[in-house]
Amino acid sequence: MNKSNIAILVLIGILFSSCTMKKETMPPNILFIAVDDLRTELGCYGNTVIKSPNIDQLAHDGVLFSNHFVNVPTCGASRHSLLTGMRPISKDYLRNDITELTLTNKQEQDAPETFIHHLKRNGYHTVGIGKISHSADGYIYGYNEAPSTKQELPNSWDELDFDYGKWKSGWNAFFGYANGENRQSLKRQVKPYEKGVVNDTGYVDGLTTKLAISKLNQLKKSSKPFFLGIGFFRPHLPFNAPKKYWDLYDRDSIPISPNPMIPEGVNLKSLHESGELNGYKLGEEKASLNHPVSEQYARTLRHAYYACVSYIDNQIGHILKELNKLGLDKNTIVVVWGDHGWHLGDQQMWGKHTIFENALKSPLIIKVPNKYKSKSVNSIIETVDIYPGLMELCNIKLPDSLDGKSFVSILEQKNMQTDNVAYSYYRDGISLRTNRYRLTKYYRKEEPTIELYDHNSDPFESKNISNDNKEIVEKLIPILEKGNKEIFY
């Protein structure tokens, strides 16, 4: 072999090595899937009736956080905490429109508006499809208005995309029925559920899946790492899903709530009258704190919720299959996050909007390429911890003054953080979750203002034991007050 041929081979080797190194050192992509109103009603969290094989497989392949709690049990405020890594600092931060109030009309600042903006500044191509912040499609407009061009997060996205389908707007699609109508157009004269004789794209979440798959194929060709945020609407009300997902279940085998009664020793101001559910005027029964719904109707509603979960599970399965098919799974962090829990008849309520366990606990599953497989984390994690955790996984320096703390040391087993706590806020109250207890303090005149639940003996929070455990309350109150930030003074 002559010298010129050797030189060419050496050059090819250097180029190949350079390309390989570039590929290996490419920062990880992030596929972030937000699911609205998804509580831990999944097989991987111990439900033996629900059908959620795709999310369950993701949990098997990655990390399941078994004690993840949101900071606010309502969609917009919970997502704001996720995006900013900050707990509420005033009552305004408990509102669904807090992102619009604080970020939408602001000029770009030195501090990033969200962790997505921070990724963008650090070389990521950011794409949003569906509900990531509070808006159904990322744009600001009212339920009964045409879509606008005003982005809820003006600095975070390189691309915002959505397929409205037959509903013609994000909010119409969010509350949409299979015939193209929606809750608004039908003046709320609708049932809170629908068994649609349609395929997956007969509801908008199926269109979101198709769009996400198409976008993954485009991103595969990008030279930059990407953040792809996908926001699914179901199982938010109305509980509408294609018939085939309803048919997965025998309704009689679906259990009703293990704690369907109002807890002992609480004031009714800690609860609510299920107004969101009752806003669907053609529901067979009205939920009330004066009288529980019948067992038959409770099973109907839980059946509808289960069908929606299975529908979304299948959509997630299609997206993950495409991610694998494209080979993107080898360098993509996958996150599935529920924006809060939901009372499915628990404590005689239907909906979120409380600071009980069922409204605050939600799924968090993270798969990191080639790391942490089949890992279950029992340490207490807050939603605000997701921002710093993802930045550490991506080797991106954090901005100053986040409330959240990275969970990576827990995954590395360098710090098991058994003393972690979670703070949650709503209904003029703060709730503190430790590994064993939930202590809640309400800043109101109606007594009792203190509630204590022992999750070792009462995981369903059926009895307030604060009066009989004053020493525990006195020990935990100073920790709870650290989370107040003068919100309720």
Protein backbone atom coordinates (compact mmCIF):
# COMPACT_ATOMS: atom_id res chain seq x y z
CA MET A 1 0.00 0.00 0.00
CA ASN A 2 1.50 3.36 -1.00
CA LYS A 3 1.82 6.34 1.29
CA SER A 4 -1.07 8.26 -0.26
CA ASN A 5 -3.49 5.38 0.37
CA ILE A 6 -2.29 5.10 3.96
CA ALA A 7 -2.80 8.83 4.42
CA ILE A 8 -6.34 8.56 3.06
CA LEU A 9 -7.15 5.66 5.41
CA VAL A 10 -5.77 7.58 8.37
CA LEU A 11 -7.84 10.63 7.40
CA ILE A 12 -10.99 8.49 7.10
CA GLY A 13 -10.24 7.00 10.49
CA ILE A 14 -9.88 10.43 12.06
CA LEU A 15 -13.12 11.64 10.50
CA PHE A 16 -14.98 8.51 11.61
CA SER A 17 -13.56 8.84 15.11
CA SER A 18 -14.55 12.51 15.19
CA CYS A 19 -18.12 11.75 14.10
CA THR A 20 -18.37 8.96 16.64
CA MET A 21 -17.11 11.19 19.43
CA LYS A 22 -19.52 13.93 18.39
CA LYS A 23 -22.40 11.48 18.49
CA GLU A 24 -21.34 10.10 21.85
CA THR A 25 -20.96 13.53 23.41
CA MET A 26 -24.24 14.92 22.06
CA PRO A 27 -26.33 16.07 25.06
CA PRO A 28 -29.35 13.86 25.68
CA ASN A 29 -32.67 14.72 24.09
CA ILE A 30 -35.71 15.02 26.35
CA LEU A 31 -39.15 13.63 25.53
CA PHE A 32 -41.45 15.08 28.18
CA ILE A 33 -45.04 13.76 28.33
CA ALA A 34 -47.48 15.62 30.58
CA VAL A 35 -50.79 13.87 31.27
CA ASP A 36 -53.66 15.94 32.62
CA ASP A 37 -55.38 14.79 35.84
CA LEU A 38 -53.47 11.50 35.92
CA ARG A 39 -53.26 10.10 39.41
CA THR A 40 -51.24 7.01 40.33
CA GLU A 41 -53.97 4.78 38.88
CA LEU A 42 -51.55 2.60 36.91
CA GLY A 43 -50.34 -0.98 36.99
CA CYS A 44 -46.81 0.08 37.90
CA TYR A 45 -48.22 1.82 40.99
CA GLY A 46 -50.05 -1.31 42.12
CA ASN A 47 -53.47 -1.11 40.45
CA THR A 48 -54.22 -4.66 39.31
CA VAL A 49 -57.36 -3.79 37.33
CA ILE A 50 -56.34 -0.89 35.11
CA LYS A 51 -54.71 -1.61 31.74
CA SER A 52 -51.58 0.55 31.34
CA PRO A 53 -48.98 -1.76 29.77
CA ASN A 54 -46.94 0.90 27.97
CA ILE A 55 -46.44 3.19 30.94
CA ASP A 56 -45.79 0.11 33.07
CA GLN A 57 -43.05 -0.98 30.67
CA LEU A 58 -41.50 2.48 30.77
CA ALA A 59 -41.43 2.26 34.58
CA HIS A 60 -39.78 -1.17 34.31
CA ASP A 61 -37.14 0.25 31.97
CA GLY A 62 -36.56 3.39 34.03
CA VAL A 63 -37.24 4.97 37.40
CA LEU A 64 -40.61 5.03 39.14
CA PHE A 65 -40.97 7.72 41.80
CA SER A 66 -43.49 6.24 44.18
CA ASN A 67 -43.82 9.34 46.37
CA HIS A 68 -44.01 12.27 43.97
CA PHE A 69 -46.24 15.15 45.03
CA VAL A 70 -47.31 18.25 43.12
CA ASN A 71 -47.02 21.67 44.69
CA VAL A 72 -50.49 22.87 43.69
CA PRO A 73 -53.50 20.62 42.88
CA THR A 74 -54.75 22.57 39.89
CA CYS A 75 -53.52 22.43 36.31
CA GLY A 76 -52.07 25.86 35.57
CA ALA A 77 -50.43 26.46 38.94
CA SER A 78 -48.96 22.96 39.12
CA ARG A 79 -47.45 23.35 35.66
CA HIS A 80 -46.06 26.74 36.63
CA SER A 81 -44.17 25.13 39.52
CA LEU A 82 -42.90 22.43 37.15
CA LEU A 83 -41.70 24.95 34.58
CA THR A 84 -40.08 27.41 36.99
CA GLY A 85 -38.83 25.09 39.74
CA MET A 86 -40.46 27.42 42.26
CA ARG A 87 -43.14 26.91 44.90
CA PRO A 88 -45.92 29.51 45.25
CA ILE A 89 -44.99 32.87 46.77
CA SER A 90 -48.48 34.36 46.99
CA LYS A 91 -52.11 33.32 46.55
CA ASP A 92 -51.88 34.39 42.91
CA TYR A 93 -49.57 31.41 42.37
CA LEU A 94 -52.50 29.07 43.13
CA ARG A 95 -54.41 30.32 40.07
CA ASN A 96 -54.65 28.54 36.75
CA ASP A 97 -53.63 31.71 34.92
CA ILE A 98 -50.47 32.38 36.96
CA THR A 99 -48.19 31.77 33.97
CA GLU A 100 -50.12 34.31 31.91
CA LEU A 101 -50.02 36.78 34.80
CA THR A 102 -46.27 36.51 35.41
CA LEU A 103 -44.59 35.39 32.17
CA THR A 104 -46.71 35.95 29.08
CA ASN A 105 -46.32 39.70 28.79
CA LYS A 106 -42.73 39.94 30.02
CA GLN A 107 -39.72 40.85 27.96
CA GLU A 108 -36.95 38.28 28.02
CA GLN A 109 -34.98 38.52 31.27
CA ASP A 110 -31.52 37.37 32.35
CA ALA A 111 -33.18 34.57 34.31
CA PRO A 112 -34.88 31.97 32.07
CA GLU A 113 -38.68 32.01 32.14
CA THR A 114 -38.84 28.18 32.35
CA PHE A 115 -36.57 25.16 32.28
CA ILE A 116 -37.52 24.80 28.60
CA HIS A 117 -36.22 28.32 27.95
CA HIS A 118 -33.05 27.37 29.83
CA LEU A 119 -32.61 24.32 27.58
CA LYS A 120 -33.15 26.52 24.52
CA ARG A 121 -30.44 28.90 25.70
CA ASN A 122 -28.13 25.91 26.10
CA GLY A 123 -28.42 24.71 22.52
CA TYR A 124 -31.64 22.69 22.54
CA HIS A 125 -34.32 22.84 19.85
CA THR A 126 -37.59 23.08 21.79
CA VAL A 127 -40.93 21.86 20.47
CA GLY A 128 -44.31 21.89 22.21
CA ILE A 129 -47.41 19.94 21.21
CA GLY A 130 -50.54 20.24 23.35
CA LYS A 131 -50.88 21.25 26.98
CA ILE A 132 -47.51 21.86 28.64
CA SER A 133 -48.31 25.11 30.40
CA HIS A 134 -51.96 25.82 31.23
CA SER A 135 -53.09 26.70 27.72
CA ALA A 136 -54.40 23.74 25.72
CA ASP A 137 -52.18 24.56 22.73
CA GLY A 138 -49.69 27.08 24.15
CA TYR A 139 -51.55 30.22 23.06
CA ILE A 140 -53.58 32.68 25.14
CA TYR A 141 -57.30 32.94 24.38
CA GLY A 142 -60.59 32.25 26.14
CA TYR A 143 -62.59 29.03 26.08
CA ASN A 144 -65.11 30.56 23.66
CA GLU A 145 -62.64 32.48 21.50
CA ALA A 146 -60.78 31.66 18.29
CA PRO A 147 -57.10 30.70 18.66
CA SER A 148 -54.68 33.60 19.01
CA THR A 149 -51.03 34.05 18.11
CA LYS A 150 -50.03 35.15 21.61
CA GLN A 151 -47.81 32.51 23.19
CA GLU A 152 -48.27 31.74 26.87
CA LEU A 153 -44.49 31.18 27.10
CA PRO A 154 -43.06 33.75 24.69
CA ASN A 155 -39.39 32.76 25.07
CA SER A 156 -39.44 29.00 25.60
CA TRP A 157 -40.38 27.48 22.26
CA ASP A 158 -38.66 27.20 18.92
CA GLU A 159 -41.83 25.53 17.65
CA LEU A 160 -45.41 25.24 18.89
CA ASP A 161 -47.61 22.87 16.96
CA PHE A 162 -51.09 21.42 17.32
CA ASP A 163 -53.73 19.65 15.23
CA TYR A 164 -57.15 21.07 16.12
CA GLY A 165 -58.99 18.55 13.96
CA LYS A 166 -62.73 19.02 13.71
CA TRP A 167 -62.81 21.09 16.91
CA LYS A 168 -61.02 24.13 15.38
CA SER A 169 -59.39 25.38 18.60
CA GLY A 170 -57.33 23.97 21.44
CA TRP A 171 -59.96 24.60 24.10
CA ASN A 172 -62.73 23.16 21.94
CA ALA A 173 -60.62 20.05 21.45
CA PHE A 174 -59.79 19.91 25.16
CA PHE A 175 -63.48 19.67 26.05
CA GLY A 176 -64.37 17.93 22.79
CA TYR A 177 -66.85 15.18 21.98
CA ALA A 178 -66.62 12.73 19.11
CA ASN A 179 -69.15 14.58 16.92
CA GLY A 180 -66.97 17.72 16.82
CA GLU A 181 -68.97 19.59 19.44
CA ASN A 182 -67.59 20.58 22.84
CA ARG A 183 -68.67 21.50 26.34
CA GLN A 184 -68.83 25.20 25.48
CA SER A 185 -70.78 24.87 22.23
CA LEU A 186 -73.32 22.59 23.93
CA LYS A 187 -73.77 25.01 26.87
CA ARG A 188 -72.63 22.31 29.32
CA GLN A 189 -75.68 20.20 28.42
CA VAL A 190 -73.43 17.16 28.19
CA LYS A 191 -72.48 14.08 30.16
CA PRO A 192 -69.11 14.01 31.91
CA TYR A 193 -68.10 10.98 29.84
CA GLU A 194 -68.51 9.50 26.37
CA LYS A 195 -67.91 6.08 24.84
CA GLY A 196 -67.12 7.16 21.29
CA VAL A 197 -67.56 4.75 18.41
CA VAL A 198 -64.42 6.14 16.79
CA ASN A 199 -60.80 5.20 16.31
CA ASP A 200 -57.98 6.83 18.27
CA THR A 201 -57.99 9.98 16.13
CA GLY A 202 -61.71 10.42 16.81
CA TYR A 203 -60.53 12.39 19.83
CA VAL A 204 -57.76 14.95 19.74
CA ASP A 205 -55.18 13.01 21.78
CA GLY A 206 -54.92 10.59 18.86
CA LEU A 207 -54.14 13.51 16.55
CA THR A 208 -51.51 14.70 19.03
CA THR A 209 -49.88 11.28 18.84
CA LYS A 210 -49.74 11.39 15.05
CA LEU A 211 -48.24 14.86 15.16
CA ALA A 212 -45.67 13.82 17.76
CA ILE A 213 -44.58 10.83 15.67
CA SER A 214 -44.20 13.06 12.62
CA LYS A 215 -42.18 15.55 14.66
CA LEU A 216 -39.86 12.83 15.99
CA ASN A 217 -39.04 11.87 12.40
CA GLN A 218 -38.11 15.49 11.67
CA LEU A 219 -36.07 15.84 14.86
CA LYS A 220 -34.16 12.68 14.02
CA LYS A 221 -32.45 14.71 11.27
CA SER A 222 -31.53 17.63 13.54
CA SER A 223 -27.93 18.33 14.48
CA LYS A 224 -29.07 19.79 17.81
CA PRO A 225 -30.41 18.00 20.88
CA PHE A 226 -34.14 18.46 21.27
CA PHE A 227 -36.78 18.92 23.93
CA LEU A 228 -40.14 17.62 22.75
CA GLY A 229 -43.01 18.37 25.14
CA ILE A 230 -46.27 16.50 24.55
CA GLY A 231 -49.35 17.38 26.60
CA PHE A 232 -52.22 14.87 26.56
CA PHE A 233 -55.69 16.04 27.63
CA ARG A 234 -57.31 12.89 28.95
CA PRO A 235 -58.09 11.73 31.61
CA HIS A 236 -59.19 15.32 32.34
CA LEU A 237 -62.96 15.74 32.21
CA PRO A 238 -64.90 14.98 30.12
CA PHE A 239 -63.89 11.32 30.41
CA ASN A 240 -64.21 10.69 26.67
CA ALA A 241 -62.43 7.76 25.02
CA PRO A 242 -62.94 5.39 22.08
CA LYS A 243 -65.22 2.45 22.79
CA LYS A 244 -62.42 -0.13 22.49
CA TYR A 245 -60.83 1.22 25.68
CA TRP A 246 -64.10 1.01 27.56
CA ASP A 247 -64.40 -2.56 26.36
CA LEU A 248 -61.17 -3.50 28.14
CA TYR A 249 -63.07 -3.49 31.43
CA ASP A 250 -65.84 -5.36 33.17
CA ARG A 251 -67.45 -2.54 35.12
CA ASP A 252 -68.43 -4.80 38.00
CA SER A 253 -64.77 -5.66 38.55
CA ILE A 254 -63.76 -2.01 38.94
CA PRO A 255 -63.46 -1.21 42.64
CA ILE A 256 -64.98 1.90 44.13
CA SER A 257 -62.93 4.12 46.43
CA PRO A 258 -61.54 2.42 49.55
CA ASN A 259 -62.34 5.64 51.43
CA PRO A 260 -65.60 7.07 50.02
CA MET A 261 -66.65 8.92 53.18
CA ILE A 262 -65.80 12.37 54.55
CA PRO A 263 -62.81 12.02 56.90
CA GLU A 264 -63.41 12.13 60.63
CA GLY A 265 -62.41 15.27 62.49
CA VAL A 266 -62.25 17.74 59.58
CA ASN A 267 -64.14 20.88 58.67
CA LEU A 268 -66.02 20.74 55.37
CA LYS A 269 -64.04 23.82 54.27
CA SER A 270 -61.14 21.40 53.66
CA LEU A 271 -63.28 19.64 51.02
CA HIS A 272 -65.32 20.71 48.01
CA GLU A 273 -68.67 20.01 46.36
CA SER A 274 -67.30 18.41 43.16
CA GLY A 275 -68.25 21.48 41.14
CA GLU A 276 -66.09 20.57 38.14
CA LEU A 277 -67.88 17.24 37.69
CA ASN A 278 -71.31 18.71 38.40
CA GLY A 279 -70.70 21.34 35.71
CA TYR A 280 -71.53 18.63 33.16
CA LYS A 281 -75.28 19.11 33.38
CA LEU A 282 -76.43 15.76 31.99
CA GLY A 283 -74.62 13.62 34.52
CA GLU A 284 -76.94 11.00 35.99
CA GLU A 285 -76.30 12.15 39.56
CA LYS A 286 -74.86 15.17 41.34
CA ALA A 287 -71.99 14.62 43.72
CA SER A 288 -72.36 16.30 47.10
CA LEU A 289 -70.87 16.38 50.57
CA ASN A 290 -74.41 15.90 51.86
CA HIS A 291 -74.92 12.62 50.04
CA PRO A 292 -72.51 10.34 48.14
CA VAL A 293 -73.30 9.23 44.61
CA SER A 294 -74.60 5.70 44.22
CA GLU A 295 -72.17 2.82 43.94
CA GLN A 296 -73.45 2.22 40.40
CA TYR A 297 -72.68 5.78 39.28
CA ALA A 298 -69.34 5.73 41.07
CA ARG A 299 -68.39 2.64 39.04
CA THR A 300 -69.58 4.30 35.83
CA LEU A 301 -67.33 7.32 36.42
CA ARG A 302 -64.36 5.19 37.44
CA HIS A 303 -64.90 3.02 34.34
CA ALA A 304 -64.81 6.17 32.21
CA TYR A 305 -61.62 7.37 33.92
CA TYR A 306 -59.96 3.96 33.44
CA ALA A 307 -60.90 3.96 29.75
CA CYS A 308 -59.26 7.37 29.33
CA VAL A 309 -56.09 6.22 31.08
CA SER A 310 -55.87 3.18 28.79
CA TYR A 311 -56.44 5.41 25.76
CA ILE A 312 -53.56 7.68 26.75
CA ASP A 313 -51.38 4.71 27.66
CA ASN A 314 -51.80 3.44 24.11
CA GLN A 315 -50.88 6.85 22.67
CA ILE A 316 -47.73 6.90 24.79
CA GLY A 317 -46.96 3.39 23.56
CA HIS A 318 -47.11 4.51 19.92
CA ILE A 319 -44.75 7.41 20.61
CA LEU A 320 -42.23 5.28 22.50
CA LYS A 321 -42.32 2.64 19.78
CA GLU A 322 -41.47 5.30 17.18
CA LEU A 323 -38.72 6.69 19.41
CA ASN A 324 -37.17 3.21 19.52
CA LYS A 325 -37.69 2.57 15.82
CA LEU A 326 -35.79 5.77 14.99
CA GLY A 327 -32.97 4.83 17.35
CA LEU A 328 -33.58 8.00 19.36
CA ASP A 329 -34.17 6.04 22.56
CA LYS A 330 -30.41 5.54 22.88
CA ASN A 331 -29.90 9.22 23.71
CA THR A 332 -33.30 10.46 24.91
CA ILE A 333 -34.48 10.99 28.46
CA VAL A 334 -38.18 10.11 28.66
CA VAL A 335 -40.40 11.65 31.34
CA VAL A 336 -44.06 10.87 32.07
CA TRP A 337 -45.59 13.27 34.60
CA GLY A 338 -49.12 13.74 35.90
CA ASP A 339 -49.91 17.36 36.75
CA HIS A 340 -51.81 16.35 39.93
CA GLY A 341 -54.03 13.63 41.31
CA TRP A 342 -57.81 13.39 41.37
CA HIS A 343 -60.44 12.29 43.86
CA LEU A 344 -62.35 9.42 42.25
CA GLY A 345 -65.01 9.44 44.96
CA ASP A 346 -62.37 9.50 47.70
CA GLN A 347 -63.45 11.46 50.79
CA GLN A 348 -66.81 11.84 48.98
CA MET A 349 -65.33 14.10 46.30
CA TRP A 350 -64.79 14.01 42.55
CA GLY A 351 -62.01 16.24 41.27
CA LYS A 352 -58.73 17.80 42.36
CA HIS A 353 -58.52 21.10 44.30
CA THR A 354 -57.76 19.76 47.78
CA ILE A 355 -54.55 19.23 49.74
CA PHE A 356 -55.35 15.63 50.55
CA GLU A 357 -53.12 12.84 49.27
CA ASN A 358 -55.36 11.84 46.37
CA ALA A 359 -55.21 15.29 44.80
CA LEU A 360 -51.47 15.78 45.38
CA LYS A 361 -49.87 12.44 44.55
CA SER A 362 -49.22 11.88 40.85
CA PRO A 363 -47.07 9.69 38.61
CA LEU A 364 -43.48 10.56 37.82
CA ILE A 365 -41.52 8.12 35.68
CA ILE A 366 -38.14 8.92 34.15
CA LYS A 367 -36.11 6.75 31.82
CA VAL A 368 -32.46 7.72 31.36
CA PRO A 369 -30.58 5.95 28.54
CA ASN A 370 -28.43 3.09 29.86
CA LYS A 371 -28.95 4.05 33.51
CA TYR A 372 -31.14 3.31 36.52
CA LYS A 373 -33.20 0.51 34.99
CA SER A 374 -36.04 -0.97 37.06
CA LYS A 375 -35.47 1.44 39.93
CA SER A 376 -38.14 2.48 42.40
CA VAL A 377 -37.54 5.62 44.44
CA ASN A 378 -39.45 5.89 47.71
CA SER A 379 -37.96 9.22 48.80
CA ILE A 380 -40.33 12.18 48.82
CA ILE A 381 -40.07 14.18 45.57
CA GLU A 382 -41.81 17.46 44.71
CA THR A 383 -42.69 18.66 41.24
CA VAL A 384 -40.24 21.56 41.67
CA ASP A 385 -37.42 18.97 41.84
CA ILE A 386 -37.91 17.99 38.20
CA TYR A 387 -36.32 21.15 36.75
CA PRO A 388 -32.97 20.82 38.59
CA GLY A 389 -32.96 17.05 38.15
CA LEU A 390 -33.26 17.27 34.37
CA MET A 391 -30.61 19.97 34.18
CA GLU A 392 -28.17 17.78 36.10
CA LEU A 393 -28.90 14.83 33.81
CA CYS A 394 -28.15 17.12 30.85
CA ASN A 395 -25.04 18.59 32.51
CA ILE A 396 -26.45 22.12 32.33
CA LYS A 397 -25.66 24.64 35.05
CA LEU A 398 -28.68 25.76 37.03
CA PRO A 399 -29.88 29.35 37.29
CA ASP A 400 -29.89 30.83 40.78
CA SER A 401 -32.54 30.47 43.45
CA LEU A 402 -34.66 27.47 42.52
CA ASP A 403 -36.76 25.89 45.27
CA GLY A 404 -36.37 22.44 43.77
CA LYS A 405 -33.47 20.10 44.51
CA SER A 406 -32.07 17.63 42.00
CA PHE A 407 -33.09 14.01 42.50
CA VAL A 408 -29.97 12.65 40.75
CA SER A 409 -28.08 11.99 43.98
CA ILE A 410 -30.96 9.71 45.01
CA LEU A 411 -30.67 7.79 41.75
CA GLU A 412 -26.93 7.48 42.31
CA GLN A 413 -27.65 6.34 45.88
CA LYS A 414 -25.26 8.99 47.16
CA ASN A 415 -28.02 10.56 49.24
CA MET A 416 -31.19 8.62 49.98
CA GLN A 417 -32.78 11.77 51.46
CA THR A 418 -35.07 9.90 53.83
CA ASP A 419 -35.90 13.21 55.52
CA ASN A 420 -37.21 14.85 52.35
CA VAL A 421 -40.54 16.64 52.55
CA ALA A 422 -43.02 17.98 50.00
CA TYR A 423 -44.98 21.24 50.28
CA SER A 424 -48.37 21.68 48.66
CA TYR A 425 -50.72 24.66 48.70
CA TYR A 426 -54.46 25.23 48.20
CA ARG A 427 -57.73 26.20 49.92
CA ASP A 428 -55.95 28.68 52.22
CA GLY A 429 -53.72 25.92 53.47
CA ILE A 430 -50.30 24.32 53.31
CA SER A 431 -49.78 20.58 53.45
CA LEU A 432 -46.47 19.00 54.45
CA ARG A 433 -45.77 15.41 53.41
CA THR A 434 -43.05 13.42 55.17
CA ASN A 435 -42.28 9.75 54.70
CA ARG A 436 -44.85 8.90 57.37
CA TYR A 437 -47.14 11.85 57.98
CA ARG A 438 -49.22 14.43 56.21
CA LEU A 439 -49.63 17.57 58.28
CA THR A 440 -51.94 20.27 56.94
CA LYS A 441 -52.49 23.74 58.34
CA TYR A 442 -55.33 25.98 57.14
CA TYR A 443 -55.07 29.75 57.60
CA ARG A 444 -58.79 30.29 58.16
CA LYS A 445 -61.23 30.85 61.01
CA GLU A 446 -63.14 27.55 60.67
CA GLU A 447 -61.84 24.86 63.05
CA PRO A 448 -60.08 22.54 63.08
CA THR A 449 -57.28 24.26 61.21
CA ILE A 450 -54.75 21.47 61.81
CA GLU A 451 -55.04 18.01 60.25
CA LEU A 452 -52.62 15.12 60.76
CA TYR A 453 -52.70 11.76 59.00
CA ASP A 454 -50.44 8.79 59.72
CA HIS A 455 -49.79 7.00 56.44
CA ASN A 456 -48.45 3.92 58.21
CA SER A 457 -51.84 3.22 59.76
CA ASP A 458 -54.20 5.31 57.63
CA PRO A 459 -52.97 5.56 54.00
CA PHE A 460 -56.38 6.76 52.81
CA GLU A 461 -56.48 9.75 55.18
CA SER A 462 -59.77 8.80 56.76
CA LYS A 463 -59.24 10.31 60.24
CA ASN A 464 -57.61 13.51 61.45
CA ILE A 465 -55.49 12.51 64.48
CA SER A 466 -53.99 15.91 65.32
CA ASN A 467 -55.76 16.26 68.69
CA ASP A 468 -54.32 13.00 69.96
CA ASN A 469 -50.79 13.61 68.64
CA LYS A 470 -49.87 17.13 69.71
CA GLU A 471 -46.16 16.29 70.10
CA ILE A 472 -45.94 15.19 66.46
CA VAL A 473 -47.80 18.32 65.36
CA GLU A 474 -45.48 20.56 67.39
CA LYS A 475 -42.44 18.88 65.84
CA LEU A 476 -43.72 19.22 62.27
CA ILE A 477 -45.29 22.71 62.39
CA PRO A 478 -41.94 24.57 62.21
CA ILE A 479 -41.01 22.54 59.12
CA LEU A 480 -44.38 23.31 57.54
CA GLU A 481 -44.00 27.03 58.25
CA LYS A 482 -40.70 27.06 56.33
CA GLY A 483 -42.83 26.61 53.23
CA ASN A 484 -45.14 29.53 53.97
CA LYS A 485 -43.13 32.44 52.47
CA GLU A 486 -45.79 34.70 54.03
CA ILE A 487 -48.38 33.45 51.53
CA PHE A 488 -51.08 33.20 54.16
CA TYR A 489 -50.11 35.98 56.57
